[in-house]
C-alpha atoms as a PDB file:
ATOM      1  CA  MET A   1    -128.343 -94.651  41.328  1.00  0.00           C
ATOM      2  CA  ASN A   2    -131.630 -95.514  39.329  1.00  0.00           C
ATOM      3  CA  THR A   3    -131.684 -98.365  36.882  1.00  0.00           C
ATOM      4  CA  ILE A   4    -133.081 -97.133  33.563  1.00  0.00           C
ATOM      5  CA  TRP A   5    -133.696 -99.486  30.680  1.00  0.00           C
ATOM      6  CA  ILE A   6    -133.391 -97.861  27.317  1.00  0.00           C
ATOM      7  CA  THR A   7    -134.532 -99.658  24.207  1.00  0.00           C
ATOM      8  CA  ARG A   8    -131.810 -98.653  21.905  1.00  0.00           C
ATOM      9  CA  GLU A   9    -127.863 -98.536  21.835  1.00  0.00           C
ATOM     10  CA  LEU A  10    -126.260 -95.528  23.435  1.00  0.00           C
ATOM     11  CA  SER A  11    -123.167 -93.540  22.584  1.00  0.00           C
ATOM     12  CA  ASN A  12    -120.411 -93.005  25.085  1.00  0.00           C
ATOM     13  CA  ASP A  13    -121.290 -89.376  25.616  1.00  0.00           C
ATOM     14  CA  GLU A  14    -125.054 -90.438  26.272  1.00  0.00           C
ATOM     15  CA  ILE A  15    -123.941 -92.897  28.760  1.00  0.00           C
ATOM     16  CA  ILE A  16    -121.808 -90.570  30.605  1.00  0.00           C
ATOM     17  CA  PHE A  17    -124.786 -88.164  30.539  1.00  0.00           C
ATOM     18  CA  CYS A  18    -126.950 -90.439  32.275  1.00  0.00           C
ATOM     19  CA  ARG A  19    -124.759 -91.320  34.732  1.00  0.00           C
ATOM     20  CA  ASN A  20    -123.893 -87.703  35.626  1.00  0.00           C
ATOM     21  CA  LEU A  21    -127.691 -87.328  36.479  1.00  0.00           C
ATOM     22  CA  GLY A  22    -127.751 -90.427  38.712  1.00  0.00           C
ATOM     23  CA  VAL A  23    -129.104 -92.849  36.132  1.00  0.00           C
ATOM     24  CA  ASN A  24    -127.613 -96.189  35.389  1.00  0.00           C
ATOM     25  CA  PRO A  25    -128.627 -96.838  31.868  1.00  0.00           C
ATOM     26  CA  ILE A  26    -129.081-100.435  30.648  1.00  0.00           C
ATOM     27  CA  GLU A  27    -129.313-100.924  26.904  1.00  0.00           C
ATOM     28  CA  VAL A  28    -132.076-103.297  25.829  1.00  0.00           C
ATOM     29  CA  PRO A  29    -131.922-102.792  21.709  1.00  0.00           C
ATOM     30  CA  THR A  30    -134.851-103.310  19.767  1.00  0.00           C
ATOM     31  CA  ILE A  31    -133.840-101.959  16.679  1.00  0.00           C
ATOM     32  CA  SER A  32    -130.984-101.881  14.148  1.00  0.00           C
ATOM     33  CA  ILE A  33    -130.207 -99.475  11.417  1.00  0.00           C
ATOM     34  CA  GLN A  34    -128.659-100.496   7.968  1.00  0.00           C
ATOM     35  CA  LEU A  35    -127.943 -97.474   5.728  1.00  0.00           C
ATOM     36  CA  HIS A  36    -128.655 -98.258   1.916  1.00  0.00           C
ATOM     37  CA  THR A  37    -125.931 -98.087  -0.576  1.00  0.00           C
ATOM     38  CA  HIS A  38    -125.498 -94.746  -2.265  1.00  0.00           C
ATOM     39  CA  GLU A  39    -123.756 -96.254  -5.303  1.00  0.00           C
ATOM     40  CA  GLY A  40    -126.000 -95.316  -8.359  1.00  0.00           C
ATOM     41  CA  VAL A  41    -128.574 -93.594  -6.480  1.00  0.00           C
ATOM     42  CA  GLN A  42    -130.199 -90.611  -8.325  1.00  0.00           C
ATOM     43  CA  ILE A  43    -130.981 -87.531  -6.077  1.00  0.00           C
ATOM     44  CA  PRO A  44    -133.557 -85.376  -7.527  1.00  0.00           C
ATOM     45  CA  HIS A  45    -132.942 -81.801  -7.496  1.00  0.00           C
ATOM     46  CA  SER A  46    -134.647 -79.822  -4.752  1.00  0.00           C
ATOM     47  CA  SER A  47    -134.052 -76.281  -3.192  1.00  0.00           C
ATOM     48  CA  ALA A  48    -134.793 -77.633   0.169  1.00  0.00           C
ATOM     49  CA  TRP A  49    -133.790 -81.211   2.089  1.00  0.00           C
ATOM     50  CA  ALA A  50    -135.491 -82.369   5.141  1.00  0.00           C
ATOM     51  CA  PHE A  51    -134.031 -84.711   7.560  1.00  0.00           C
ATOM     52  CA  THR A  52    -136.211 -86.375  10.418  1.00  0.00           C
ATOM     53  CA  SER A  53    -133.407 -88.832  11.493  1.00  0.00           C
ATOM     54  CA  GLN A  54    -129.613 -88.563  12.241  1.00  0.00           C
ATOM     55  CA  HIS A  55    -129.335 -91.737  10.075  1.00  0.00           C
ATOM     56  CA  ALA A  56    -130.575 -89.927   7.012  1.00  0.00           C
ATOM     57  CA  VAL A  57    -127.770 -87.501   7.588  1.00  0.00           C
ATOM     58  CA  ASP A  58    -125.178 -90.328   8.002  1.00  0.00           C
ATOM     59  CA  TRP A  59    -126.385 -91.509   4.583  1.00  0.00           C
ATOM     60  CA  ILE A  60    -126.082 -88.020   2.836  1.00  0.00           C
ATOM     61  CA  SER A  61    -122.474 -87.582   4.909  1.00  0.00           C
ATOM     62  CA  GLU A  62    -121.245 -90.664   3.082  1.00  0.00           C
ATOM     63  CA  VAL A  63    -122.649 -89.410  -0.261  1.00  0.00           C
ATOM     64  CA  ILE A  64    -120.731 -86.178   0.088  1.00  0.00           C
ATOM     65  CA  LYS A  65    -117.488 -87.868   1.185  1.00  0.00           C
ATOM     66  CA  SER A  66    -117.550 -90.106  -1.847  1.00  0.00           C
ATOM     67  CA  GLY A  67    -117.238 -87.063  -4.241  1.00  0.00           C
ATOM     68  CA  ASN A  68    -120.177 -88.351  -6.543  1.00  0.00           C
ATOM     69  CA  LEU A  69    -122.568 -85.748  -5.571  1.00  0.00           C
ATOM     70  CA  SER A  70    -122.593 -82.903  -7.990  1.00  0.00           C
ATOM     71  CA  PRO A  71    -122.249 -79.362  -5.867  1.00  0.00           C
ATOM     72  CA  GLU A  72    -125.214 -78.092  -8.195  1.00  0.00           C
ATOM     73  CA  LEU A  73    -127.647 -80.740  -6.148  1.00  0.00           C
ATOM     74  CA  LEU A  74    -126.962 -79.203  -2.832  1.00  0.00           C
ATOM     75  CA  PRO A  75    -129.941 -77.304  -1.728  1.00  0.00           C
ATOM     76  CA  ASP A  76    -130.242 -73.811  -0.560  1.00  0.00           C
ATOM     77  CA  GLN A  77    -131.947 -74.796   2.718  1.00  0.00           C
ATOM     78  CA  TRP A  78    -131.477 -77.669   5.068  1.00  0.00           C
ATOM     79  CA  PHE A  79    -134.373 -78.478   7.503  1.00  0.00           C
ATOM     80  CA  ALA A  80    -134.382 -81.058  10.420  1.00  0.00           C
ATOM     81  CA  ILE A  81    -136.189 -82.443  13.292  1.00  0.00           C
ATOM     82  CA  GLY A  82    -134.262 -82.656  16.509  1.00  0.00           C
ATOM     83  CA  ALA A  83    -131.020 -81.078  17.955  1.00  0.00           C
ATOM     84  CA  LYS A  84    -128.861 -84.251  17.210  1.00  0.00           C
ATOM     85  CA  THR A  85    -130.013 -84.402  13.542  1.00  0.00           C
ATOM     86  CA  ALA A  86    -129.269 -80.512  13.136  1.00  0.00           C
ATOM     87  CA  GLU A  87    -125.776 -81.044  14.776  1.00  0.00           C
ATOM     88  CA  ALA A  88    -124.876 -83.760  12.297  1.00  0.00           C
ATOM     89  CA  ILE A  89    -125.767 -81.577   9.495  1.00  0.00           C
ATOM     90  CA  ARG A  90    -123.620 -78.696  11.081  1.00  0.00           C
ATOM     91  CA  LYS A  91    -120.679 -81.210  10.994  1.00  0.00           C
ATOM     92  CA  LEU A  92    -121.054 -81.124   7.121  1.00  0.00           C
ATOM     93  CA  HIS A  93    -120.775 -77.488   7.355  1.00  0.00           C
ATOM     94  CA  PHE A  94    -124.324 -76.551   6.586  1.00  0.00           C
ATOM     95  CA  GLU A  95    -126.723 -75.114   8.926  1.00  0.00           C
ATOM     96  CA  ALA A  96    -130.126 -76.603   9.559  1.00  0.00           C
ATOM     97  CA  ILE A  97    -133.480 -74.858  10.410  1.00  0.00           C
ATOM     98  CA  ILE A  98    -135.359 -76.689  13.025  1.00  0.00           C
ATOM     99  CA  PRO A  99    -138.876 -76.340  14.463  1.00  0.00           C
ATOM    100  CA  GLU A 100    -139.448 -75.703  18.263  1.00  0.00           C
ATOM    101  CA  SER A 101    -141.495 -79.164  18.518  1.00  0.00           C
ATOM    102  CA  SER A 102    -140.076 -82.355  16.891  1.00  0.00           C
ATOM    103  CA  TYR A 103    -143.118 -83.363  14.943  1.00  0.00           C
ATOM    104  CA  GLY A 104    -143.656 -83.667  11.194  1.00  0.00           C
ATOM    105  CA  SER A 105    -146.524 -81.190  11.129  1.00  0.00           C
ATOM    106  CA  ASN A 106    -144.407 -78.589  12.908  1.00  0.00           C
ATOM    107  CA  LEU A 107    -141.757 -78.998  10.305  1.00  0.00           C
ATOM    108  CA  ALA A 108    -144.032 -78.852   7.400  1.00  0.00           C
ATOM    109  CA  ASN A 109    -145.268 -75.413   9.019  1.00  0.00           C
ATOM    110  CA  LEU A 110    -141.743 -74.196   9.165  1.00  0.00           C
ATOM    111  CA  LEU A 111    -141.163 -75.174   5.459  1.00  0.00           C
ATOM    112  CA  ASP A 112    -144.199 -73.069   4.687  1.00  0.00           C
ATOM    113  CA  VAL A 113    -143.108 -69.939   6.774  1.00  0.00           C
ATOM    114  CA  HIS A 114    -139.732 -70.162   4.854  1.00  0.00           C
ATOM    115  CA  LYS A 115    -141.711 -70.274   1.383  1.00  0.00           C
ATOM    116  CA  VAL A 116    -140.559 -73.750   0.586  1.00  0.00           C
ATOM    117  CA  ARG A 117    -142.844 -75.113  -2.158  1.00  0.00           C
ATOM    118  CA  THR A 118    -140.834 -78.293  -3.041  1.00  0.00           C
ATOM    119  CA  VAL A 119    -138.990 -80.521  -0.336  1.00  0.00           C
ATOM    120  CA  LEU A 120    -136.860 -83.644  -0.542  1.00  0.00           C
ATOM    121  CA  HIS A 121    -137.491 -85.762   2.595  1.00  0.00           C
ATOM    122  CA  PHE A 122    -134.506 -88.233   3.164  1.00  0.00           C
ATOM    123  CA  THR A 123    -136.183 -90.875   5.214  1.00  0.00           C
ATOM    124  CA  GLY A 124    -136.248 -94.697   6.294  1.00  0.00           C
ATOM    125  CA  ASN A 125    -138.429 -97.602   5.513  1.00  0.00           C
ATOM    126  CA  LEU A 126    -140.533 -96.860   8.619  1.00  0.00           C
ATOM    127  CA  ALA A 127    -141.045 -93.279   8.155  1.00  0.00           C
ATOM    128  CA  ARG A 128    -144.197 -91.613   9.757  1.00  0.00           C
ATOM    129  CA  PRO A 129    -146.648 -90.044   7.395  1.00  0.00           C
ATOM    130  CA  GLU A 130    -147.169 -86.590   9.373  1.00  0.00           C
ATOM    131  CA  LEU A 131    -144.821 -84.734   7.265  1.00  0.00           C
ATOM    132  CA  LYS A 132    -145.983 -85.750   3.976  1.00  0.00           C
ATOM    133  CA  GLN A 133    -149.690 -85.377   5.079  1.00  0.00           C
ATOM    134  CA  ALA A 134    -148.937 -81.732   6.284  1.00  0.00           C
ATOM    135  CA  CYS A 135    -146.999 -80.498   3.207  1.00  0.00           C
ATOM    136  CA  LEU A 136    -149.937 -81.703   1.124  1.00  0.00           C
ATOM    137  CA  ILE A 137    -152.356 -79.596   2.897  1.00  0.00           C
ATOM    138  CA  LEU A 138    -150.130 -76.651   2.717  1.00  0.00           C
ATOM    139  CA  GLY A 139    -149.615 -77.099  -1.102  1.00  0.00           C
ATOM    140  CA  ILE A 140    -145.787 -78.086  -0.718  1.00  0.00           C
ATOM    141  CA  ASN A 141    -144.547 -80.502  -3.257  1.00  0.00           C
ATOM    142  CA  TYR A 142    -143.337 -83.481  -1.294  1.00  0.00           C
ATOM    143  CA  HIS A 143    -140.868 -85.911  -2.497  1.00  0.00           C
ATOM    144  CA  SER A 144    -138.908 -88.753  -0.564  1.00  0.00           C
ATOM    145  CA  LEU A 145    -135.934 -90.826  -1.018  1.00  0.00           C
ATOM    146  CA  GLU A 146    -135.452 -93.687   1.249  1.00  0.00           C
ATOM    147  CA  VAL A 147    -131.752 -94.030   2.485  1.00  0.00           C
ATOM    148  CA  TYR A 148    -131.857 -96.191   5.388  1.00  0.00           C
ATOM    149  CA  GLU A 149    -133.769 -99.371   6.694  1.00  0.00           C
ATOM    150  CA  THR A 150    -134.924 -99.803  10.362  1.00  0.00           C
ATOM    151  CA  GLN A 151    -134.993-103.463  11.426  1.00  0.00           C
ATOM    152  CA  VAL A 152    -137.258-104.333  14.391  1.00  0.00           C
ATOM    153  CA  HIS A 153    -136.348-107.254  16.495  1.00  0.00           C
ATOM    154  CA  LYS A 154    -137.050-108.620  20.117  1.00  0.00           C
ATOM    155  CA  PRO A 155    -134.451-108.339  22.407  1.00  0.00           C
ATOM    156  CA  GLU A 156    -132.414-111.749  23.062  1.00  0.00           C
ATOM    157  CA  SER A 157    -133.478-111.556  26.789  1.00  0.00           C
ATOM    158  CA  LEU A 158    -134.640-108.921  29.251  1.00  0.00           C
ATOM    159  CA  PRO A 159    -132.014-107.964  31.859  1.00  0.00           C
ATOM    160  CA  ALA A 160    -132.136-109.539  35.205  1.00  0.00           C
ATOM    161  CA  GLU A 161    -131.850-106.228  37.077  1.00  0.00           C
ATOM    162  CA  LYS A 162    -135.236-104.786  37.749  1.00  0.00           C
ATOM    163  CA  PRO A 163    -135.749-101.261  36.333  1.00  0.00           C
ATOM    164  CA  ASN A 164    -136.960 -98.150  37.939  1.00  0.00           C
ATOM    165  CA  GLY A 165    -138.182 -96.914  34.698  1.00  0.00           C
ATOM    166  CA  ILE A 166    -138.065 -97.870  30.851  1.00  0.00           C
ATOM    167  CA  ILE A 167    -137.529 -95.353  28.044  1.00  0.00           C
ATOM    168  CA  PHE A 168    -138.730 -95.713  24.495  1.00  0.00           C
ATOM    169  CA  LEU A 169    -137.305 -93.335  21.769  1.00  0.00           C
ATOM    170  CA  SER A 170    -139.416 -94.361  18.977  1.00  0.00           C
ATOM    171  CA  PRO A 171    -142.629 -96.459  18.002  1.00  0.00           C
ATOM    172  CA  SER A 172    -140.220 -99.086  16.379  1.00  0.00           C
ATOM    173  CA  ALA A 173    -138.536 -99.697  19.703  1.00  0.00           C
ATOM    174  CA  VAL A 174    -142.106-100.172  21.095  1.00  0.00           C
ATOM    175  CA  ASP A 175    -142.824-102.978  18.566  1.00  0.00           C
ATOM    176  CA  GLY A 176    -139.722-104.692  19.146  1.00  0.00           C
ATOM    177  CA  PHE A 177    -139.725-104.549  23.135  1.00  0.00           C
ATOM    178  CA  ILE A 178    -143.382-106.151  23.410  1.00  0.00           C
ATOM    179  CA  GLN A 179    -142.132-109.280  21.569  1.00  0.00           C
ATOM    180  CA  ALA A 180    -139.787-110.235  24.565  1.00  0.00           C
ATOM    181  CA  GLN A 181    -141.207-112.539  26.703  1.00  0.00           C
ATOM    182  CA  ASN A 182    -142.590-111.259  29.926  1.00  0.00           C
ATOM    183  CA  SER A 183    -142.379-107.650  28.504  1.00  0.00           C
ATOM    184  CA  MET A 184    -146.063-106.742  29.337  1.00  0.00           C
ATOM    185  CA  ASN A 185    -145.634-107.893  32.845  1.00  0.00           C
ATOM    186  CA  VAL A 186    -142.668-105.744  33.062  1.00  0.00           C
ATOM    187  CA  LEU A 187    -144.075-102.521  31.460  1.00  0.00           C
ATOM    188  CA  LYS A 188    -147.197-102.838  33.933  1.00  0.00           C
ATOM    189  CA  SER A 189    -144.966-102.746  36.934  1.00  0.00           C
ATOM    190  CA  THR A 190    -142.504 -99.844  36.455  1.00  0.00           C
ATOM    191  CA  LYS A 191    -142.653 -96.263  34.972  1.00  0.00           C
ATOM    192  CA  VAL A 192    -142.472 -96.007  31.519  1.00  0.00           C
ATOM    193  CA  PHE A 193    -141.246 -93.050  29.247  1.00  0.00           C
ATOM    194  CA  ALA A 194    -141.706 -92.025  25.827  1.00  0.00           C
ATOM    195  CA  ILE A 195    -139.480 -89.256  24.005  1.00  0.00           C
ATOM    196  CA  GLY A 196    -142.784 -87.731  22.259  1.00  0.00           C
ATOM    197  CA  LYS A 197    -146.364 -88.141  21.558  1.00  0.00           C
ATOM    198  CA  THR A 198    -146.045 -90.704  18.615  1.00  0.00           C
ATOM    199  CA  THR A 199    -144.079 -92.968  20.599  1.00  0.00           C
ATOM    200  CA  ALA A 200    -146.493 -92.666  23.599  1.00  0.00           C
ATOM    201  CA  SER A 201    -149.540 -93.391  21.325  1.00  0.00           C
ATOM    202  CA  GLU A 202    -147.897 -96.615  20.075  1.00  0.00           C
ATOM    203  CA  LEU A 203    -147.440 -97.652  23.709  1.00  0.00           C
ATOM    204  CA  LEU A 204    -151.272 -96.770  24.462  1.00  0.00           C
ATOM    205  CA  LYS A 205    -152.186 -99.318  21.697  1.00  0.00           C
ATOM    206  CA  HIS A 206    -150.922-101.939  24.167  1.00  0.00           C
ATOM    207  CA  ARG A 207    -152.780-100.271  26.976  1.00  0.00           C
ATOM    208  CA  ILE A 208    -149.433 -98.766  28.375  1.00  0.00           C
ATOM    209  CA  GLU A 209    -149.517 -95.037  29.488  1.00  0.00           C
ATOM    210  CA  ALA A 210    -146.165 -93.268  29.176  1.00  0.00           C
ATOM    211  CA  THR A 211    -145.051 -90.006  30.511  1.00  0.00           C
ATOM    212  CA  ILE A 212    -143.220 -87.551  27.871  1.00  0.00           C
ATOM    213  CA  PRO A 213    -140.969 -84.762  28.477  1.00  0.00           C
ATOM    214  CA  PRO A 214    -141.691 -81.151  27.752  1.00  0.00           C
ATOM    215  CA  LYS A 215    -139.067 -81.217  24.801  1.00  0.00           C
ATOM    216  CA  ALA A 216    -138.357 -84.158  22.518  1.00  0.00           C
ATOM    217  CA  THR A 217    -134.615 -84.541  22.990  1.00  0.00           C
ATOM    218  CA  PHE A 218    -132.590 -87.295  24.464  1.00  0.00           C
ATOM    219  CA  GLU A 219    -131.229 -85.016  27.197  1.00  0.00           C
ATOM    220  CA  ALA A 220    -134.400 -83.375  28.047  1.00  0.00           C
ATOM    221  CA  LEU A 221    -135.763 -86.852  28.459  1.00  0.00           C
ATOM    222  CA  ILE A 222    -133.050 -88.125  30.702  1.00  0.00           C
ATOM    223  CA  ASN A 223    -133.364 -85.036  32.890  1.00  0.00           C
ATOM    224  CA  PHE A 224    -137.045 -85.554  32.973  1.00  0.00           C
ATOM    225  CA  VAL A 225    -136.775 -89.143  33.857  1.00  0.00           C
ATOM    226  CA  SER A 226    -134.248 -88.543  36.665  1.00  0.00           C
ATOM    227  CA  LYS A 227    -136.452 -85.936  38.155  1.00  0.00           C
ATOM    228  CA  SER A 228    -139.607 -87.953  37.961  1.00  0.00           C
ATOM    229  CA  ILE A 229    -138.039 -91.132  39.643  1.00  0.00           C
ATOM    230  CA  ASN A 230    -136.581 -89.113  42.176  1.00  0.00           C
ATOM    231  CA  LYS A 231    -139.822 -87.483  43.272  1.00  0.00           C
END
């Protein structure tokens, strides 16, 4: 079984998925998430809501469960990036529209196709600017509400077991990992994988080339990594 370092904590289902593909995942967390309090937060009205992270859906889920959200504020359309984010929205009994590729510009184009002229983006403190920039180009009124914080930190220590590959699922994870002692030596001596172009670009800033899967989902990435390492 191939040993892969993954730079975030995994759910039990994700661990089982990895092992079923012959991958032994070792978690090397480099980020932590803190949801903001929702008490007293004013959510502006918008006919379309956009979510680019499951954490933002977790926040709105808490708001809905609290009973403090007026039904009139719920949007006509929900948009999301990523199958996991869409699934979290589905658990709230709403259906999300998602682009084929998990990038902000693709989501903005999808908003335009659905004739959305105003969108509210629930986001975190380290949100990428692509969605906002693409909305401005397309004449879509973009508004955002920060609902969670991503805290970047270096690993307490790197695992003793040498990996067959290292996986990065966000640019923030890259920023945390490289703070660890001996991290660059490890990156230069093993295969490196990134979930998408944005994360791969962050690694390139440190002269580390990463391979990305054809589809930016966790399952697609693990499948891709398993096949790549077994070649």
